[in-house]
Each structure stands twice: as C-alpha cells, then as structure tokens.
Amino acid sequence: MKCDSCEYGTKDLSVEVCNGCGASLRQVDGIEIGHCFDLGTRYSESMGLEFAREDGGLDHVLMASYGIGVSRVIAAVIEQNHDDRGIDWNSEVSAFDVSIVLAHHGHEARNEARRVHNELEESGLDVLLYDGQRSVGERFAESDLLGIGLKVVVGNNYLEDGELELETRGGEKVAFSSRDMIEEVRGAIR
C-alpha cells in the first residue's frame, strides 16, 4: 500500500489510511530488494558493547542491520526492464553500450566490423562484436537476449552504399556514414 501524498508505504494490505498524513492508500506492486535483520544483543555481548541507562546501570546495545541483496537488485532491474525478447538493460547496468552485428559473411564487411569495434572502444565505449560462426539471425537474437540496447549493423548497406546502420532495441533504424559513427552511437545511448 502506498500514499501518493507523502510517499508513505506499508506491506500491510489491511491498512487503508496513511499513518503519515491521513490520505487514502492505494495498492501497488513492489519489489523487495532490502532486508532488515534483528541481531538483538548477540554481537554486542561478544564485543562488550554496552550503554549506560539513566539509573546508572549498563545494558547491551540492541543491534540490527539493513542489507541490500545484489541478486534482488538484478531481479528488480530485470522486472522493470524487459520485453518479449528478453532483458532490456539500461546504460547504467548494461555490460555493453553497443553491439556490432556483422550481417554479411564477406571479408570486407568483417574488416569494417572490426574497425568499427576498435574505434568505438577507443572512444571509451564498451562494445561487443558478433563475428563468429553464428548465423546472422542468431547474432541479432543473441544481442537482444543479452539486453544490449543498441546495435551497429555492418551488412549490405555498408557494402552497397558505404553506410552503417544503427538499430535501437525498439526497432528504430538510422543509416549513417562511418565518419559520423561515434556521434550517432553516443547520441543514441540511453
């Protein structure tokens, strides 16, 4: 349950009124990524960690901890960023900024794909090059499955017109010349 007026939230589904401001609460989906642990006096006793009460006596400190689970964070990012083709990482968490998909098996296209890869890496981007023994369709599908948001396609357009193609995860395509590559790719990174 969540309050839209003051951002108060609770996991108790029977509560209908906000404890903070009195507004109505509404049910929302949530993803728990952190946990609170009640440690009691287990560690404070072993460390001799005490505090003085008002009456002068001593008590062991009650301890707790709050932890964020890395695996839960990854699951939350995936839950919020996916489509029918798989994970759609954003630039903050993606392992790669762009993939280079070689869409032609000829040597000229392969050499251009390697040049594009090297130039983009030298500009500071993290780049994945697909030029192995996979089919063209497998290269596109694997890039989508890995959740890489941008593809630079080196294929027939390059061989015929000298143009590369930038394809977004949403399917938008832009043709551009090699000299504009870094500007085009950097401008499309989300």
C-alpha atoms as a PDB file:
ATOM      1  CA  MET A   1       0.000   0.000   0.000  1.00  0.00           C
ATOM      2  CA  LYS A   2       1.301   3.452  -0.906  1.00  0.00           C
ATOM      3  CA  CYS A   3       0.345   7.044  -0.182  1.00  0.00           C
ATOM      4  CA  ASP A   4       0.538   9.381  -3.178  1.00  0.00           C
ATOM      5  CA  SER A   5       0.509  12.470  -0.934  1.00  0.00           C
ATOM      6  CA  CYS A   6       3.567  11.800   1.221  1.00  0.00           C
ATOM      7  CA  GLU A   7       5.169   8.627  -0.230  1.00  0.00           C
ATOM      8  CA  TYR A   8       4.423   6.559   2.923  1.00  0.00           C
ATOM      9  CA  GLY A   9       4.289   2.839   2.211  1.00  0.00           C
ATOM     10  CA  THR A  10       3.454  -0.359   4.062  1.00  0.00           C
ATOM     11  CA  LYS A  11       3.251  -4.070   3.303  1.00  0.00           C
ATOM     12  CA  ASP A  12       0.113  -4.393   5.462  1.00  0.00           C
ATOM     13  CA  LEU A  13      -2.753  -4.790   2.982  1.00  0.00           C
ATOM     14  CA  SER A  14      -5.410  -4.178   5.684  1.00  0.00           C
ATOM     15  CA  VAL A  15      -4.279  -0.585   6.304  1.00  0.00           C
ATOM     16  CA  GLU A  16      -6.343   1.861   4.239  1.00  0.00           C
ATOM     17  CA  VAL A  17      -5.273   5.250   5.671  1.00  0.00           C
ATOM     18  CA  CYS A  18      -1.763   6.740   5.651  1.00  0.00           C
ATOM     19  CA  ASN A  19      -0.076   6.902   9.077  1.00  0.00           C
ATOM     20  CA  GLY A  20       1.880   9.964   7.912  1.00  0.00           C
ATOM     21  CA  CYS A  21      -0.782  12.308   6.531  1.00  0.00           C
ATOM     22  CA  GLY A  22      -4.170  10.563   6.757  1.00  0.00           C
ATOM     23  CA  ALA A  23      -4.709  10.283   2.983  1.00  0.00           C
ATOM     24  CA  SER A  24      -6.056   7.125   1.386  1.00  0.00           C
ATOM     25  CA  LEU A  25      -3.595   4.409   0.430  1.00  0.00           C
ATOM     26  CA  ARG A  26      -3.644   2.507  -2.828  1.00  0.00           C
ATOM     27  CA  GLN A  27      -2.330  -0.956  -3.579  1.00  0.00           C
ATOM     28  CA  VAL A  28       0.787  -1.095  -5.766  1.00  0.00           C
ATOM     29  CA  ASP A  29       3.185  -3.791  -6.880  1.00  0.00           C
ATOM     30  CA  GLY A  30       6.592  -3.677  -5.288  1.00  0.00           C
ATOM     31  CA  ILE A  31       9.897  -5.482  -5.373  1.00  0.00           C
ATOM     32  CA  GLU A  32      11.725  -6.043  -2.107  1.00  0.00           C
ATOM     33  CA  ILE A  33      15.458  -5.540  -2.554  1.00  0.00           C
ATOM     34  CA  GLY A  34      16.486  -4.849   1.044  1.00  0.00           C
ATOM     35  CA  HIS A  35      16.004  -6.664   4.311  1.00  0.00           C
ATOM     36  CA  CYS A  36      16.192  -5.733   7.983  1.00  0.00           C
ATOM     37  CA  PHE A  37      17.820  -8.188  10.375  1.00  0.00           C
ATOM     38  CA  ASP A  38      17.165  -8.087  14.131  1.00  0.00           C
ATOM     39  CA  LEU A  39      20.509  -9.060  15.653  1.00  0.00           C
ATOM     40  CA  GLY A  40      19.463  -8.488  19.257  1.00  0.00           C
ATOM     41  CA  THR A  41      22.419  -8.485  21.651  1.00  0.00           C
ATOM     42  CA  ARG A  42      24.254 -11.418  20.038  1.00  0.00           C
ATOM     43  CA  TYR A  43      27.150  -9.307  18.740  1.00  0.00           C
ATOM     44  CA  SER A  44      27.108  -6.537  21.351  1.00  0.00           C
ATOM     45  CA  GLU A  45      27.533  -9.137  24.133  1.00  0.00           C
ATOM     46  CA  SER A  46      30.502 -10.782  22.376  1.00  0.00           C
ATOM     47  CA  MET A  47      32.131  -7.343  21.841  1.00  0.00           C
ATOM     48  CA  GLY A  48      31.294  -5.999  25.283  1.00  0.00           C
ATOM     49  CA  LEU A  49      29.342  -3.148  23.690  1.00  0.00           C
ATOM     50  CA  GLU A  50      27.195  -1.538  26.399  1.00  0.00           C
ATOM     51  CA  PHE A  51      25.458   1.735  27.115  1.00  0.00           C
ATOM     52  CA  ALA A  52      24.661   3.473  30.395  1.00  0.00           C
ATOM     53  CA  ARG A  53      20.993   3.701  31.401  1.00  0.00           C
ATOM     54  CA  GLU A  54      19.598   6.785  33.185  1.00  0.00           C
ATOM     55  CA  ASP A  55      19.750   4.915  36.514  1.00  0.00           C
ATOM     56  CA  GLY A  56      23.486   4.260  36.035  1.00  0.00           C
ATOM     57  CA  GLY A  57      23.171   0.568  35.145  1.00  0.00           C
ATOM     58  CA  LEU A  58      24.532  -0.936  31.941  1.00  0.00           C
ATOM     59  CA  ASP A  59      22.752  -2.760  29.141  1.00  0.00           C
ATOM     60  CA  HIS A  60      23.990  -4.400  25.962  1.00  0.00           C
ATOM     61  CA  VAL A  61      23.204  -2.490  22.799  1.00  0.00           C
ATOM     62  CA  LEU A  62      20.370  -3.911  20.694  1.00  0.00           C
ATOM     63  CA  MET A  63      21.621  -4.245  17.144  1.00  0.00           C
ATOM     64  CA  ALA A  64      20.067  -4.546  13.723  1.00  0.00           C
ATOM     65  CA  SER A  65      21.328  -4.375  10.191  1.00  0.00           C
ATOM     66  CA  TYR A  66      19.897  -3.498   6.814  1.00  0.00           C
ATOM     67  CA  GLY A  67      21.178  -5.224   3.727  1.00  0.00           C
ATOM     68  CA  ILE A  68      20.536  -4.900   0.038  1.00  0.00           C
ATOM     69  CA  GLY A  69      20.670  -8.187  -1.833  1.00  0.00           C
ATOM     70  CA  VAL A  70      22.656  -7.925  -5.067  1.00  0.00           C
ATOM     71  CA  SER A  71      20.679 -10.761  -6.651  1.00  0.00           C
ATOM     72  CA  ARG A  72      17.448  -8.999  -5.666  1.00  0.00           C
ATOM     73  CA  VAL A  73      18.653  -5.739  -7.268  1.00  0.00           C
ATOM     74  CA  ILE A  74      19.396  -7.573 -10.525  1.00  0.00           C
ATOM     75  CA  ALA A  75      15.969  -9.252 -10.400  1.00  0.00           C
ATOM     76  CA  ALA A  76      14.312  -5.866  -9.785  1.00  0.00           C
ATOM     77  CA  VAL A  77      16.134  -4.262 -12.723  1.00  0.00           C
ATOM     78  CA  ILE A  78      15.080  -7.149 -14.980  1.00  0.00           C
ATOM     79  CA  GLU A  79      11.475  -6.961 -13.747  1.00  0.00           C
ATOM     80  CA  GLN A  80      11.373  -3.271 -14.630  1.00  0.00           C
ATOM     81  CA  ASN A  81      13.305  -3.523 -17.920  1.00  0.00           C
ATOM     82  CA  HIS A  82      12.293  -6.375 -20.201  1.00  0.00           C
ATOM     83  CA  ASP A  83      10.268  -7.072 -23.306  1.00  0.00           C
ATOM     84  CA  ASP A  84       9.172 -10.135 -25.274  1.00  0.00           C
ATOM     85  CA  ARG A  85      12.771 -10.674 -26.469  1.00  0.00           C
ATOM     86  CA  GLY A  86      14.337 -10.712 -23.004  1.00  0.00           C
ATOM     87  CA  ILE A  87      16.200  -8.315 -20.759  1.00  0.00           C
ATOM     88  CA  ASP A  88      16.483  -4.685 -21.864  1.00  0.00           C
ATOM     89  CA  TRP A  89      19.341  -3.282 -19.782  1.00  0.00           C
ATOM     90  CA  ASN A  90      19.681   0.467 -19.479  1.00  0.00           C
ATOM     91  CA  SER A  91      23.076   2.092 -19.909  1.00  0.00           C
ATOM     92  CA  GLU A  92      23.703   2.273 -16.138  1.00  0.00           C
ATOM     93  CA  VAL A  93      23.702  -1.516 -15.697  1.00  0.00           C
ATOM     94  CA  SER A  94      24.402  -2.954 -19.136  1.00  0.00           C
ATOM     95  CA  ALA A  95      27.734  -4.689 -19.638  1.00  0.00           C
ATOM     96  CA  PHE A  96      27.911  -3.174 -23.139  1.00  0.00           C
ATOM     97  CA  ASP A  97      26.925   0.168 -24.603  1.00  0.00           C
ATOM     98  CA  VAL A  98      26.539  -1.223 -28.104  1.00  0.00           C
ATOM     99  CA  SER A  99      26.903  -4.454 -30.056  1.00  0.00           C
ATOM    100  CA  ILE A 100      28.364  -4.661 -33.534  1.00  0.00           C
ATOM    101  CA  VAL A 101      26.377  -7.166 -35.591  1.00  0.00           C
ATOM    102  CA  LEU A 102      28.106  -8.423 -38.700  1.00  0.00           C
ATOM    103  CA  ALA A 103      25.199  -9.040 -41.084  1.00  0.00           C
ATOM    104  CA  HIS A 104      27.302 -10.235 -44.010  1.00  0.00           C
ATOM    105  CA  HIS A 105      29.873 -13.029 -44.253  1.00  0.00           C
ATOM    106  CA  GLY A 106      32.330 -11.308 -46.634  1.00  0.00           C
ATOM    107  CA  HIS A 107      35.835 -10.175 -45.694  1.00  0.00           C
ATOM    108  CA  GLU A 108      35.161  -6.506 -46.462  1.00  0.00           C
ATOM    109  CA  ALA A 109      32.219  -6.389 -44.030  1.00  0.00           C
ATOM    110  CA  ARG A 110      34.187  -8.353 -41.394  1.00  0.00           C
ATOM    111  CA  ASN A 111      37.095  -5.908 -41.617  1.00  0.00           C
ATOM    112  CA  GLU A 112      34.716  -2.933 -41.294  1.00  0.00           C
ATOM    113  CA  ALA A 113      33.024  -4.527 -38.259  1.00  0.00           C
ATOM    114  CA  ARG A 114      36.403  -4.911 -36.544  1.00  0.00           C
ATOM    115  CA  ARG A 115      37.344  -1.315 -37.414  1.00  0.00           C
ATOM    116  CA  VAL A 116      34.012  -0.038 -36.022  1.00  0.00           C
ATOM    117  CA  HIS A 117      34.512  -2.115 -32.864  1.00  0.00           C
ATOM    118  CA  ASN A 118      38.014  -0.785 -32.299  1.00  0.00           C
ATOM    119  CA  GLU A 119      37.077   2.839 -32.977  1.00  0.00           C
ATOM    120  CA  LEU A 120      34.099   2.740 -30.614  1.00  0.00           C
ATOM    121  CA  GLU A 121      36.183   1.086 -27.888  1.00  0.00           C
ATOM    122  CA  GLU A 122      38.926   3.695 -28.327  1.00  0.00           C
ATOM    123  CA  SER A 123      36.258   6.375 -27.804  1.00  0.00           C
ATOM    124  CA  GLY A 124      35.558   4.874 -24.364  1.00  0.00           C
ATOM    125  CA  LEU A 125      32.502   2.737 -25.077  1.00  0.00           C
ATOM    126  CA  ASP A 126      32.028  -0.899 -24.060  1.00  0.00           C
ATOM    127  CA  VAL A 127      31.442  -2.800 -27.299  1.00  0.00           C
ATOM    128  CA  LEU A 128      30.563  -6.406 -28.127  1.00  0.00           C
ATOM    129  CA  LEU A 129      31.427  -7.680 -31.606  1.00  0.00           C
ATOM    130  CA  TYR A 130      29.423 -10.573 -33.100  1.00  0.00           C
ATOM    131  CA  ASP A 131      31.559 -12.007 -35.864  1.00  0.00           C
ATOM    132  CA  GLY A 132      31.788 -15.711 -35.020  1.00  0.00           C
ATOM    133  CA  GLN A 133      30.353 -18.742 -36.765  1.00  0.00           C
ATOM    134  CA  ARG A 134      26.729 -17.929 -35.900  1.00  0.00           C
ATOM    135  CA  SER A 135      24.061 -17.150 -38.454  1.00  0.00           C
ATOM    136  CA  VAL A 136      23.058 -13.511 -38.912  1.00  0.00           C
ATOM    137  CA  GLY A 137      19.709 -14.199 -37.224  1.00  0.00           C
ATOM    138  CA  GLU A 138      21.454 -15.790 -34.231  1.00  0.00           C
ATOM    139  CA  ARG A 139      23.704 -12.733 -33.908  1.00  0.00           C
ATOM    140  CA  PHE A 140      20.709 -10.381 -33.764  1.00  0.00           C
ATOM    141  CA  ALA A 141      18.804 -12.669 -31.360  1.00  0.00           C
ATOM    142  CA  GLU A 142      21.765 -13.067 -29.010  1.00  0.00           C
ATOM    143  CA  SER A 143      22.297  -9.312 -28.865  1.00  0.00           C
ATOM    144  CA  ASP A 144      18.636  -8.949 -27.867  1.00  0.00           C
ATOM    145  CA  LEU A 145      18.850 -11.768 -25.302  1.00  0.00           C
ATOM    146  CA  LEU A 146      21.842 -10.103 -23.673  1.00  0.00           C
ATOM    147  CA  GLY A 147      19.781  -6.922 -23.397  1.00  0.00           C
ATOM    148  CA  ILE A 148      22.115  -4.627 -25.313  1.00  0.00           C
ATOM    149  CA  GLY A 149      20.101  -1.541 -26.267  1.00  0.00           C
ATOM    150  CA  LEU A 150      21.955  -0.564 -29.462  1.00  0.00           C
ATOM    151  CA  LYS A 151      23.310  -2.420 -32.457  1.00  0.00           C
ATOM    152  CA  VAL A 152      25.582  -1.123 -35.195  1.00  0.00           C
ATOM    153  CA  VAL A 153      24.848  -3.317 -38.199  1.00  0.00           C
ATOM    154  CA  VAL A 154      27.558  -3.875 -40.789  1.00  0.00           C
ATOM    155  CA  GLY A 155      25.966  -5.566 -43.791  1.00  0.00           C
ATOM    156  CA  ASN A 156      24.596  -4.976 -47.272  1.00  0.00           C
ATOM    157  CA  ASN A 157      24.050  -1.236 -46.719  1.00  0.00           C
ATOM    158  CA  TYR A 158      27.741  -0.869 -45.971  1.00  0.00           C
ATOM    159  CA  LEU A 159      28.802  -2.902 -48.997  1.00  0.00           C
ATOM    160  CA  GLU A 160      26.397  -1.102 -51.358  1.00  0.00           C
ATOM    161  CA  ASP A 161      26.320   2.480 -50.027  1.00  0.00           C
ATOM    162  CA  GLY A 162      29.160   2.685 -47.504  1.00  0.00           C
ATOM    163  CA  GLU A 163      26.623   3.260 -44.716  1.00  0.00           C
ATOM    164  CA  LEU A 164      26.347   1.610 -41.331  1.00  0.00           C
ATOM    165  CA  GLU A 165      23.029   1.138 -39.624  1.00  0.00           C
ATOM    166  CA  LEU A 166      22.184   1.930 -36.010  1.00  0.00           C
ATOM    167  CA  GLU A 167      19.280  -0.096 -34.627  1.00  0.00           C
ATOM    168  CA  THR A 168      17.684   0.537 -31.239  1.00  0.00           C
ATOM    169  CA  ARG A 169      16.046  -2.087 -29.060  1.00  0.00           C
ATOM    170  CA  GLY A 170      12.681  -0.686 -30.155  1.00  0.00           C
ATOM    171  CA  GLY A 171      13.492  -1.373 -33.806  1.00  0.00           C
ATOM    172  CA  GLU A 172      14.190   2.194 -34.955  1.00  0.00           C
ATOM    173  CA  LYS A 173      16.911   2.267 -37.604  1.00  0.00           C
ATOM    174  CA  VAL A 174      19.163   5.082 -38.769  1.00  0.00           C
ATOM    175  CA  ALA A 175      21.715   4.836 -41.585  1.00  0.00           C
ATOM    176  CA  PHE A 176      24.889   6.891 -41.234  1.00  0.00           C
ATOM    177  CA  SER A 177      28.381   7.161 -42.639  1.00  0.00           C
ATOM    178  CA  SER A 178      31.434   5.835 -40.823  1.00  0.00           C
ATOM    179  CA  ARG A 179      32.714   9.351 -40.138  1.00  0.00           C
ATOM    180  CA  ASP A 180      29.535  10.125 -38.099  1.00  0.00           C
ATOM    181  CA  MET A 181      29.587   6.825 -36.196  1.00  0.00           C
ATOM    182  CA  ILE A 182      30.792   7.932 -32.758  1.00  0.00           C
ATOM    183  CA  GLU A 183      28.442  10.927 -32.686  1.00  0.00           C
ATOM    184  CA  GLU A 184      25.460   8.770 -33.791  1.00  0.00           C
ATOM    185  CA  VAL A 185      26.153   5.997 -31.265  1.00  0.00           C
ATOM    186  CA  ARG A 186      26.835   8.319 -28.333  1.00  0.00           C
ATOM    187  CA  GLY A 187      23.675  10.298 -29.140  1.00  0.00           C
ATOM    188  CA  ALA A 188      21.560   7.137 -29.078  1.00  0.00           C
ATOM    189  CA  ILE A 189      22.831   5.698 -25.773  1.00  0.00           C
ATOM    190  CA  ARG A 190      20.053   5.951 -23.239  1.00  0.00           C
END
